[in-house]
PDB file of N, CA and C in Angstrom:
ATOM      1  N   VAL A   1      67.948   9.135-144.799  1.00  0.00           N
ATOM      2  CA  VAL A   1      69.163   8.058-144.488  1.00  0.00           C
ATOM      3  C   VAL A   1      69.857   8.341-143.022  1.00  0.00           C
ATOM      4  N   VAL A   2      69.352   7.582-141.434  1.00  0.00           N
ATOM      5  CA  VAL A   2      70.672   7.488-140.647  1.00  0.00           C
ATOM      6  C   VAL A   2      71.395   6.109-140.618  1.00  0.00           C
ATOM      7  N   LEU A   3      72.598   6.639-140.083  1.00  0.00           N
ATOM      8  CA  LEU A   3      73.432   5.672-139.117  1.00  0.00           C
ATOM      9  C   LEU A   3      73.865   5.956-137.778  1.00  0.00           C
ATOM     10  N   TYR A   4      74.117   5.153-137.768  1.00  0.00           N
ATOM     11  CA  TYR A   4      73.869   5.088-136.170  1.00  0.00           C
ATOM     12  C   TYR A   4      74.701   3.547-135.882  1.00  0.00           C
ATOM     13  N   ALA A   5      75.713   4.652-134.726  1.00  0.00           N
ATOM     14  CA  ALA A   5      77.128   3.586-134.424  1.00  0.00           C
ATOM     15  C   ALA A   5      77.623   3.617-132.563  1.00  0.00           C
ATOM     16  N   VAL A   6      77.621   2.224-132.218  1.00  0.00           N
ATOM     17  CA  VAL A   6      78.242   2.455-131.159  1.00  0.00           C
ATOM     18  C   VAL A   6      79.759   2.037-130.478  1.00  0.00           C
ATOM     19  N   ALA A   7      80.145   2.258-129.789  1.00  0.00           N
ATOM     20  CA  ALA A   7      81.706   2.091-129.489  1.00  0.00           C
ATOM     21  C   ALA A   7      82.115   2.226-128.245  1.00  0.00           C
ATOM     22  N   ASP A   8      83.098   1.219-128.067  1.00  0.00           N
ATOM     23  CA  ASP A   8      83.148   2.085-126.446  1.00  0.00           C
ATOM     24  C   ASP A   8      84.343   3.023-126.240  1.00  0.00           C
ATOM     25  N   ARG A   9      84.213   3.242-125.343  1.00  0.00           N
ATOM     26  CA  ARG A   9      84.695   4.711-124.874  1.00  0.00           C
ATOM     27  C   ARG A   9      86.376   4.855-124.766  1.00  0.00           C
ATOM     28  N   GLY A  10      86.451   3.339-124.261  1.00  0.00           N
ATOM     29  CA  GLY A  10      88.366   3.370-123.616  1.00  0.00           C
ATOM     30  C   GLY A  10      88.770   3.272-125.282  1.00  0.00           C
ATOM     31  N   SER A  11      88.449   2.355-125.510  1.00  0.00           N
ATOM     32  CA  SER A  11      89.227   1.664-127.117  1.00  0.00           C
ATOM     33  C   SER A  11      88.419   2.160-127.584  1.00  0.00           C
ATOM     34  N   ALA A  12      87.615   2.422-128.039  1.00  0.00           N
ATOM     35  CA  ALA A  12      87.329   2.878-129.391  1.00  0.00           C
ATOM     36  C   ALA A  12      86.754   2.172-130.450  1.00  0.00           C
ATOM     37  N   ALA A  13      86.420   0.548-130.138  1.00  0.00           N
ATOM     38  CA  ALA A  13      86.401  -0.105-130.958  1.00  0.00           C
ATOM     39  C   ALA A  13      84.656  -0.658-130.985  1.00  0.00           C
ATOM     40  N   LEU A  14      84.314  -0.495-132.491  1.00  0.00           N
ATOM     41  CA  LEU A  14      83.084  -0.536-132.394  1.00  0.00           C
ATOM     42  C   LEU A  14      82.004  -1.308-132.279  1.00  0.00           C
ATOM     43  N   ASP A  15      81.375  -1.462-131.548  1.00  0.00           N
ATOM     44  CA  ASP A  15      79.910  -3.092-131.010  1.00  0.00           C
ATOM     45  C   ASP A  15      79.320  -2.877-131.860  1.00  0.00           C
ATOM     46  N   ARG A  16      78.664  -1.538-132.509  1.00  0.00           N
ATOM     47  CA  ARG A  16      76.686  -1.927-134.146  1.00  0.00           C
ATOM     48  C   ARG A  16      77.427  -0.721-134.289  1.00  0.00           C
ATOM     49  N   VAL A  17      77.447  -0.671-135.787  1.00  0.00           N
ATOM     50  CA  VAL A  17      77.060   0.068-136.570  1.00  0.00           C
ATOM     51  C   VAL A  17      75.908  -0.392-137.498  1.00  0.00           C
ATOM     52  N   GLU A  18      74.130   0.579-137.409  1.00  0.00           N
ATOM     53  CA  GLU A  18      73.164   0.552-137.969  1.00  0.00           C
ATOM     54  C   GLU A  18      73.153   1.894-138.994  1.00  0.00           C
ATOM     55  N   PHE A  19      72.571   0.348-140.022  1.00  0.00           N
ATOM     56  CA  PHE A  19      72.407   1.623-141.240  1.00  0.00           C
ATOM     57  C   PHE A  19      70.910   1.410-141.846  1.00  0.00           C
ATOM     58  N   ILE A  20      70.049   3.100-142.292  1.00  0.00           N
ATOM     59  CA  ILE A  20      68.665   2.571-142.220  1.00  0.00           C
ATOM     60  C   ILE A  20      68.253   3.638-143.494  1.00  0.00           C
ATOM     61  N   ARG A  21      67.817   3.093-144.719  1.00  0.00           N
ATOM     62  CA  ARG A  21      67.373   4.233-145.395  1.00  0.00           C
ATOM     63  C   ARG A  21      66.096   3.357-146.331  1.00  0.00           C
ATOM     64  N   ARG A  22      65.358   5.099-145.905  1.00  0.00           N
ATOM     65  CA  ARG A  22      63.710   4.591-146.187  1.00  0.00           C
ATOM     66  C   ARG A  22      63.935   5.331-147.793  1.00  0.00           C
ATOM     67  N   GLU A  23      62.741   4.643-148.799  1.00  0.00           N
ATOM     68  CA  GLU A  23      62.649   5.481-150.063  1.00  0.00           C
ATOM     69  C   GLU A  23      61.425   6.013-149.934  1.00  0.00           C
ATOM     70  N   ALA A  24      60.687   7.063-149.804  1.00  0.00           N
ATOM     71  CA  ALA A  24      59.663   6.866-150.047  1.00  0.00           C
ATOM     72  C   ALA A  24      58.619   5.654-151.500  1.00  0.00           C
ATOM     73  N   GLY A  25      57.430   5.979-150.800  1.00  0.00           N
ATOM     74  CA  GLY A  25      56.627   4.697-152.085  1.00  0.00           C
ATOM     75  C   GLY A  25      56.766   3.413-152.011  1.00  0.00           C
ATOM     76  N   VAL A  26      58.205   2.631-151.405  1.00  0.00           N
ATOM     77  CA  VAL A  26      59.095   2.168-151.949  1.00  0.00           C
ATOM     78  C   VAL A  26      59.243   0.444-150.896  1.00  0.00           C
ATOM     79  N   GLY A  27      59.580   1.024-150.320  1.00  0.00           N
ATOM     80  CA  GLY A  27      60.036   0.672-148.239  1.00  0.00           C
ATOM     81  C   GLY A  27      61.449   1.127-147.804  1.00  0.00           C
ATOM     82  N   GLN A  28      61.400   0.630-147.031  1.00  0.00           N
ATOM     83  CA  GLN A  28      62.642   0.874-145.914  1.00  0.00           C
ATOM     84  C   GLN A  28      63.805  -0.624-146.328  1.00  0.00           C
ATOM     85  N   ARG A  29      64.413  -0.324-146.707  1.00  0.00           N
ATOM     86  CA  ARG A  29      66.782  -1.858-145.634  1.00  0.00           C
ATOM     87  C   ARG A  29      66.962  -0.873-144.189  1.00  0.00           C
ATOM     88  N   GLY A  30      67.114  -2.127-143.721  1.00  0.00           N
ATOM     89  CA  GLY A  30      67.952  -1.902-142.543  1.00  0.00           C
ATOM     90  C   GLY A  30      69.230  -2.874-142.788  1.00  0.00           C
ATOM     91  N   LEU A  31      70.326  -2.234-142.358  1.00  0.00           N
ATOM     92  CA  LEU A  31      71.784  -3.142-141.674  1.00  0.00           C
ATOM     93  C   LEU A  31      72.315  -3.269-140.287  1.00  0.00           C
ATOM     94  N   VAL A  32      72.457  -3.897-139.705  1.00  0.00           N
ATOM     95  CA  VAL A  32      73.295  -3.813-138.700  1.00  0.00           C
ATOM     96  C   VAL A  32      74.197  -4.986-138.982  1.00  0.00           C
ATOM     97  N   TRP A  33      75.553  -3.996-137.981  1.00  0.00           N
ATOM     98  CA  TRP A  33      76.446  -5.242-138.113  1.00  0.00           C
ATOM     99  C   TRP A  33      76.650  -5.678-136.558  1.00  0.00           C
ATOM    100  N   ASP A  34      77.094  -6.400-136.222  1.00  0.00           N
ATOM    101  CA  ASP A  34      76.771  -7.239-134.727  1.00  0.00           C
ATOM    102  C   ASP A  34      78.893  -7.449-134.434  1.00  0.00           C
ATOM    103  N   ALA A  35      79.377  -6.898-133.672  1.00  0.00           N
ATOM    104  CA  ALA A  35      81.218  -6.547-133.655  1.00  0.00           C
ATOM    105  C   ALA A  35      80.264  -8.128-132.184  1.00  0.00           C
ATOM    106  N   GLN A  36      79.785  -8.334-131.098  1.00  0.00           N
ATOM    107  CA  GLN A  36      80.049  -9.448-130.302  1.00  0.00           C
ATOM    108  C   GLN A  36      78.774 -10.861-131.280  1.00  0.00           C
ATOM    109  N   ARG A  37      78.779 -10.752-132.452  1.00  0.00           N
ATOM    110  CA  ARG A  37      77.755 -11.854-132.614  1.00  0.00           C
ATOM    111  C   ARG A  37      79.103 -12.422-133.682  1.00  0.00           C
ATOM    112  N   ASN A  38      79.468 -10.453-134.352  1.00  0.00           N
ATOM    113  CA  ASN A  38      80.776 -11.339-136.185  1.00  0.00           C
ATOM    114  C   ASN A  38      79.655 -11.299-137.468  1.00  0.00           C
ATOM    115  N   ARG A  39      78.200 -10.714-136.794  1.00  0.00           N
ATOM    116  CA  ARG A  39      77.134 -11.246-138.411  1.00  0.00           C
ATOM    117  C   ARG A  39      76.900  -9.475-138.471  1.00  0.00           C
ATOM    118  N   THR A  40      76.154  -9.844-138.756  1.00  0.00           N
ATOM    119  CA  THR A  40      75.697  -8.760-140.516  1.00  0.00           C
ATOM    120  C   THR A  40      74.150  -8.509-141.098  1.00  0.00           C
ATOM    121  N   TYR A  41      73.424  -8.175-140.624  1.00  0.00           N
ATOM    122  CA  TYR A  41      71.438  -8.334-140.749  1.00  0.00           C
ATOM    123  C   TYR A  41      70.801  -7.464-141.320  1.00  0.00           C
ATOM    124  N   SER A  42      70.267  -8.026-142.757  1.00  0.00           N
ATOM    125  CA  SER A  42      69.510  -7.205-143.629  1.00  0.00           C
ATOM    126  C   SER A  42      67.931  -6.978-143.540  1.00  0.00           C
ATOM    127  N   SER A  43      67.135  -6.011-143.363  1.00  0.00           N
ATOM    128  CA  SER A  43      66.011  -6.278-142.958  1.00  0.00           C
ATOM    129  C   SER A  43      65.425  -5.279-144.080  1.00  0.00           C
ATOM    130  N   TRP A  44      63.915  -5.663-144.512  1.00  0.00           N
ATOM    131  CA  TRP A  44      63.590  -5.102-145.375  1.00  0.00           C
ATOM    132  C   TRP A  44      61.853  -5.404-144.888  1.00  0.00           C
ATOM    133  N   TRP A  45      61.339  -3.085-144.986  1.00  0.00           N
ATOM    134  CA  TRP A  45      59.610  -3.320-144.818  1.00  0.00           C
ATOM    135  C   TRP A  45      59.367  -2.528-146.152  1.00  0.00           C
ATOM    136  N   PRO A  46      58.884  -3.415-146.637  1.00  0.00           N
ATOM    137  CA  PRO A  46      57.918  -3.213-148.259  1.00  0.00           C
ATOM    138  C   PRO A  46      56.651  -1.255-147.668  1.00  0.00           C
ATOM    139  N   GLU A  47      56.500  -0.735-148.227  1.00  0.00           N
ATOM    140  CA  GLU A  47      55.381   0.150-148.342  1.00  0.00           C
ATOM    141  C   GLU A  47      54.511  -0.435-149.031  1.00  0.00           C
ATOM    142  N   THR A  48      53.408  -0.168-148.012  1.00  0.00           N
ATOM    143  CA  THR A  48      52.152  -0.740-148.522  1.00  0.00           C
ATOM    144  C   THR A  48      51.151   0.585-148.386  1.00  0.00           C
ATOM    145  N   PRO A  49      49.902   0.777-148.866  1.00  0.00           N
ATOM    146  CA  PRO A  49      49.273   1.852-148.401  1.00  0.00           C
ATOM    147  C   PRO A  49      48.977   2.721-147.523  1.00  0.00           C
ATOM    148  N   ARG A  50      49.178   1.259-146.282  1.00  0.00           N
ATOM    149  CA  ARG A  50      48.512   2.270-145.387  1.00  0.00           C
ATOM    150  C   ARG A  50      50.761   2.287-144.760  1.00  0.00           C
ATOM    151  N   GLY A  51      51.112   1.797-145.258  1.00  0.00           N
ATOM    152  CA  GLY A  51      52.656   2.573-144.136  1.00  0.00           C
ATOM    153  C   GLY A  51      53.691   1.940-145.051  1.00  0.00           C
ATOM    154  N   LEU A  52      54.770   1.815-143.769  1.00  0.00           N
ATOM    155  CA  LEU A  52      55.770   0.308-143.940  1.00  0.00           C
ATOM    156  C   LEU A  52      54.521  -0.935-143.699  1.00  0.00           C
ATOM    157  N   SER A  53      55.237  -2.318-144.442  1.00  0.00           N
ATOM    158  CA  SER A  53      54.956  -3.076-142.968  1.00  0.00           C
ATOM    159  C   SER A  53      54.903  -3.844-142.275  1.00  0.00           C
ATOM    160  N   ARG A  54      54.073  -4.528-141.257  1.00  0.00           N
ATOM    161  CA  ARG A  54      55.230  -4.770-140.089  1.00  0.00           C
ATOM    162  C   ARG A  54      56.402  -6.408-140.202  1.00  0.00           C
ATOM    163  N   ARG A  55      55.865  -6.278-141.568  1.00  0.00           N
ATOM    164  CA  ARG A  55      56.352  -8.078-141.386  1.00  0.00           C
ATOM    165  C   ARG A  55      57.764  -7.512-142.246  1.00  0.00           C
ATOM    166  N   ALA A  56      59.099  -7.316-142.038  1.00  0.00           N
ATOM    167  CA  ALA A  56      60.160  -7.025-142.472  1.00  0.00           C
ATOM    168  C   ALA A  56      60.531  -8.569-142.896  1.00  0.00           C
ATOM    169  N   GLU A  57      61.174  -9.168-144.673  1.00  0.00           N
ATOM    170  CA  GLU A  57      62.529  -9.659-144.427  1.00  0.00           C
ATOM    171  C   GLU A  57      63.146  -9.954-143.494  1.00  0.00           C
ATOM    172  N   ARG A  58      63.539 -10.877-143.400  1.00  0.00           N
ATOM    173  CA  ARG A  58      65.135 -10.489-142.691  1.00  0.00           C
ATOM    174  C   ARG A  58      66.814 -11.076-143.442  1.00  0.00           C
ATOM    175  N   GLY A  59      67.288 -10.977-142.740  1.00  0.00           N
ATOM    176  CA  GLY A  59      68.358 -12.301-143.594  1.00  0.00           C
ATOM    177  C   GLY A  59      69.632 -12.422-142.766  1.00  0.00           C
ATOM    178  N   GLU A  60      70.435 -13.293-143.035  1.00  0.00           N
ATOM    179  CA  GLU A  60      72.220 -12.592-143.082  1.00  0.00           C
ATOM    180  C   GLU A  60      73.286 -12.520-143.801  1.00  0.00           C
ATOM    181  N   ILE A  61      73.476 -11.460-144.142  1.00  0.00           N
ATOM    182  CA  ILE A  61      74.417 -11.799-144.722  1.00  0.00           C
ATOM    183  C   ILE A  61      76.196 -11.687-144.754  1.00  0.00           C
ATOM    184  N   PRO A  62      76.591 -12.661-145.192  1.00  0.00           N
ATOM    185  CA  PRO A  62      77.872 -13.365-144.915  1.00  0.00           C
ATOM    186  C   PRO A  62      78.891 -12.853-144.536  1.00  0.00           C
ATOM    187  N   ARG A  63      79.960 -12.927-143.566  1.00  0.00           N
ATOM    188  CA  ARG A  63      80.924 -12.009-143.086  1.00  0.00           C
ATOM    189  C   ARG A  63      81.736 -12.244-144.288  1.00  0.00           C
ATOM    190  N   GLY A  64      82.604 -11.034-144.298  1.00  0.00           N
ATOM    191  CA  GLY A  64      83.398 -10.824-144.859  1.00  0.00           C
ATOM    192  C   GLY A  64      83.528 -10.533-146.942  1.00  0.00           C
ATOM    193  N   GLY A  65      82.560 -10.381-146.397  1.00  0.00           N
ATOM    194  CA  GLY A  65      81.737  -9.674-147.257  1.00  0.00           C
ATOM    195  C   GLY A  65      82.018  -8.366-147.591  1.00  0.00           C
ATOM    196  N   PRO A  66      81.511  -7.414-149.017  1.00  0.00           N
ATOM    197  CA  PRO A  66      82.023  -5.744-149.043  1.00  0.00           C
ATOM    198  C   PRO A  66      80.484  -5.447-148.113  1.00  0.00           C
ATOM    199  N   VAL A  67      79.451  -5.680-148.212  1.00  0.00           N
ATOM    200  CA  VAL A  67      78.890  -4.930-146.984  1.00  0.00           C
ATOM    201  C   VAL A  67      78.664  -5.221-145.383  1.00  0.00           C
ATOM    202  N   PRO A  68      79.162  -6.201-144.757  1.00  0.00           N
ATOM    203  CA  PRO A  68      80.110  -6.169-143.308  1.00  0.00           C
ATOM    204  C   PRO A  68      81.475  -4.465-143.336  1.00  0.00           C
ATOM    205  N   ARG A  69      81.604  -4.944-144.573  1.00  0.00           N
ATOM    206  CA  ARG A  69      83.244  -4.465-144.589  1.00  0.00           C
ATOM    207  C   ARG A  69      82.970  -2.824-144.389  1.00  0.00           C
ATOM    208  N   ALA A  70      82.196  -2.490-145.242  1.00  0.00           N
ATOM    209  CA  ALA A  70      81.478  -1.473-145.274  1.00  0.00           C
ATOM    210  C   ALA A  70      80.607  -0.166-144.528  1.00  0.00           C
ATOM    211  N   LEU A  71      79.578  -1.029-143.801  1.00  0.00           N
ATOM    212  CA  LEU A  71      78.779  -0.883-142.501  1.00  0.00           C
ATOM    213  C   LEU A  71      79.927  -0.079-141.644  1.00  0.00           C
ATOM    214  N   ARG A  72      80.924  -1.071-141.416  1.00  0.00           N
ATOM    215  CA  ARG A  72      82.290  -1.047-140.500  1.00  0.00           C
ATOM    216  C   ARG A  72      82.429   0.640-140.980  1.00  0.00           C
ATOM    217  N   SER A  73      83.356   0.234-141.480  1.00  0.00           N
ATOM    218  CA  SER A  73      83.884   1.495-142.161  1.00  0.00           C
ATOM    219  C   SER A  73      83.080   2.914-142.311  1.00  0.00           C
ATOM    220  N   LEU A  74      81.689   3.572-142.805  1.00  0.00           N
ATOM    221  CA  LEU A  74      80.697   3.751-142.308  1.00  0.00           C
ATOM    222  C   LEU A  74      80.808   4.145-140.604  1.00  0.00           C
ATOM    223  N   GLY A  75      80.732   3.446-139.428  1.00  0.00           N
ATOM    224  CA  GLY A  75      81.074   3.536-138.772  1.00  0.00           C
ATOM    225  C   GLY A  75      82.261   4.011-137.844  1.00  0.00           C
ATOM    226  N   ARG A  76      82.963   3.481-138.394  1.00  0.00           N
ATOM    227  CA  ARG A  76      84.053   4.884-138.020  1.00  0.00           C
ATOM    228  C   ARG A  76      85.086   5.826-138.659  1.00  0.00           C
ATOM    229  N   GLN A  77      84.178   6.089-139.888  1.00  0.00           N
ATOM    230  CA  GLN A  77      84.365   7.940-140.093  1.00  0.00           C
ATOM    231  C   GLN A  77      82.989   8.803-139.303  1.00  0.00           C
ATOM    232  N   LEU A  78      81.863   8.060-139.041  1.00  0.00           N
ATOM    233  CA  LEU A  78      81.016   9.200-138.128  1.00  0.00           C
ATOM    234  C   LEU A  78      81.098   8.963-137.147  1.00  0.00           C
ATOM    235  N   PHE A  79      82.436   8.558-136.615  1.00  0.00           N
ATOM    236  CA  PHE A  79      83.645   8.955-134.902  1.00  0.00           C
ATOM    237  C   PHE A  79      84.019   9.653-135.192  1.00  0.00           C
ATOM    238  N   THR A  80      84.346  10.803-136.333  1.00  0.00           N
ATOM    239  CA  THR A  80      85.580  11.643-136.987  1.00  0.00           C
ATOM    240  C   THR A  80      85.126  12.585-137.000  1.00  0.00           C
ATOM    241  N   VAL A  81      83.736  12.441-136.766  1.00  0.00           N
ATOM    242  CA  VAL A  81      82.949  13.953-137.719  1.00  0.00           C
ATOM    243  C   VAL A  81      82.448  15.039-135.887  1.00  0.00           C
ATOM    244  N   PRO A  82      83.173  15.154-136.616  1.00  0.00           N
ATOM    245  CA  PRO A  82      82.791  16.370-135.350  1.00  0.00           C
ATOM    246  C   PRO A  82      80.775  16.444-135.201  1.00  0.00           C
ATOM    247  N   CYS A  83      80.708  16.988-133.931  1.00  0.00           N
ATOM    248  CA  CYS A  83      78.812  17.271-133.384  1.00  0.00           C
ATOM    249  C   CYS A  83      78.571  18.397-133.707  1.00  0.00           C
ATOM    250  N   ALA A  84      77.517  18.594-134.505  1.00  0.00           N
ATOM    251  CA  ALA A  84      76.791  20.725-133.877  1.00  0.00           C
ATOM    252  C   ALA A  84      76.498  20.678-133.248  1.00  0.00           C
ATOM    253  N   ASP A  85      76.656  21.829-133.234  1.00  0.00           N
ATOM    254  CA  ASP A  85      76.169  22.321-131.735  1.00  0.00           C
ATOM    255  C   ASP A  85      74.716  23.068-132.058  1.00  0.00           C
ATOM    256  N   PRO A  86      73.796  22.682-130.727  1.00  0.00           N
ATOM    257  CA  PRO A  86      71.948  22.779-130.653  1.00  0.00           C
ATOM    258  C   PRO A  86      72.084  24.250-131.511  1.00  0.00           C
ATOM    259  N   PRO A  87      71.089  24.315-132.240  1.00  0.00           N
ATOM    260  CA  PRO A  87      70.374  25.875-132.021  1.00  0.00           C
ATOM    261  C   PRO A  87      70.222  26.725-130.657  1.00  0.00           C
ATOM    262  N   ALA A  88      70.821  27.777-130.336  1.00  0.00           N
ATOM    263  CA  ALA A  88      70.171  28.763-129.225  1.00  0.00           C
ATOM    264  C   ALA A  88      69.092  27.980-128.777  1.00  0.00           C
ATOM    265  N   ASP A  89      67.991  28.729-129.520  1.00  0.00           N
ATOM    266  CA  ASP A  89      66.441  28.288-129.247  1.00  0.00           C
ATOM    267  C   ASP A  89      65.986  27.142-128.705  1.00  0.00           C
ATOM    268  N   THR A  90      67.030  25.577-128.198  1.00  0.00           N
ATOM    269  CA  THR A  90      66.381  24.482-127.895  1.00  0.00           C
ATOM    270  C   THR A  90      66.857  24.042-126.459  1.00  0.00           C
ATOM    271  N   ASP A  91      65.796  22.828-126.808  1.00  0.00           N
ATOM    272  CA  ASP A  91      66.528  22.023-124.274  1.00  0.00           C
ATOM    273  C   ASP A  91      67.540  22.250-124.618  1.00  0.00           C
ATOM    274  N   ALA A  92      68.029  22.188-125.710  1.00  0.00           N
ATOM    275  CA  ALA A  92      69.394  20.519-125.808  1.00  0.00           C
ATOM    276  C   ALA A  92      70.490  21.675-125.211  1.00  0.00           C
ATOM    277  N   SER A  93      70.411  22.704-124.991  1.00  0.00           N
ATOM    278  CA  SER A  93      71.876  23.638-125.960  1.00  0.00           C
ATOM    279  C   SER A  93      71.935  24.131-124.365  1.00  0.00           C
ATOM    280  N   PRO A  94      73.268  24.332-124.067  1.00  0.00           N
ATOM    281  CA  PRO A  94      74.364  24.458-122.238  1.00  0.00           C
ATOM    282  C   PRO A  94      73.718  25.223-121.407  1.00  0.00           C
ATOM    283  N   ARG A  95      73.548  24.694-120.598  1.00  0.00           N
ATOM    284  CA  ARG A  95      73.175  25.937-119.723  1.00  0.00           C
ATOM    285  C   ARG A  95      74.051  26.368-118.594  1.00  0.00           C
TER     286      ARG A  95
END
């Protein structure tokens, strides 16, 4: 599972939240809430013998429903989680 959120630095208002979940042997589901358009999109990539299908099934989820509210809530909660320090033996460690 991957949760990705983008917010405005000044106001901390969410701009976008993406939730991606892949189930091995089944496929991958992606949900995206976009604040600018106030829309939520769903994408599904079925698993094929060669990996994920290149053809995604896409659709819009109605506004005000439980999925858009859940995505916004997950995005807000993500910003309250402190980031872990990178391991000392990686290039990402502070110098």
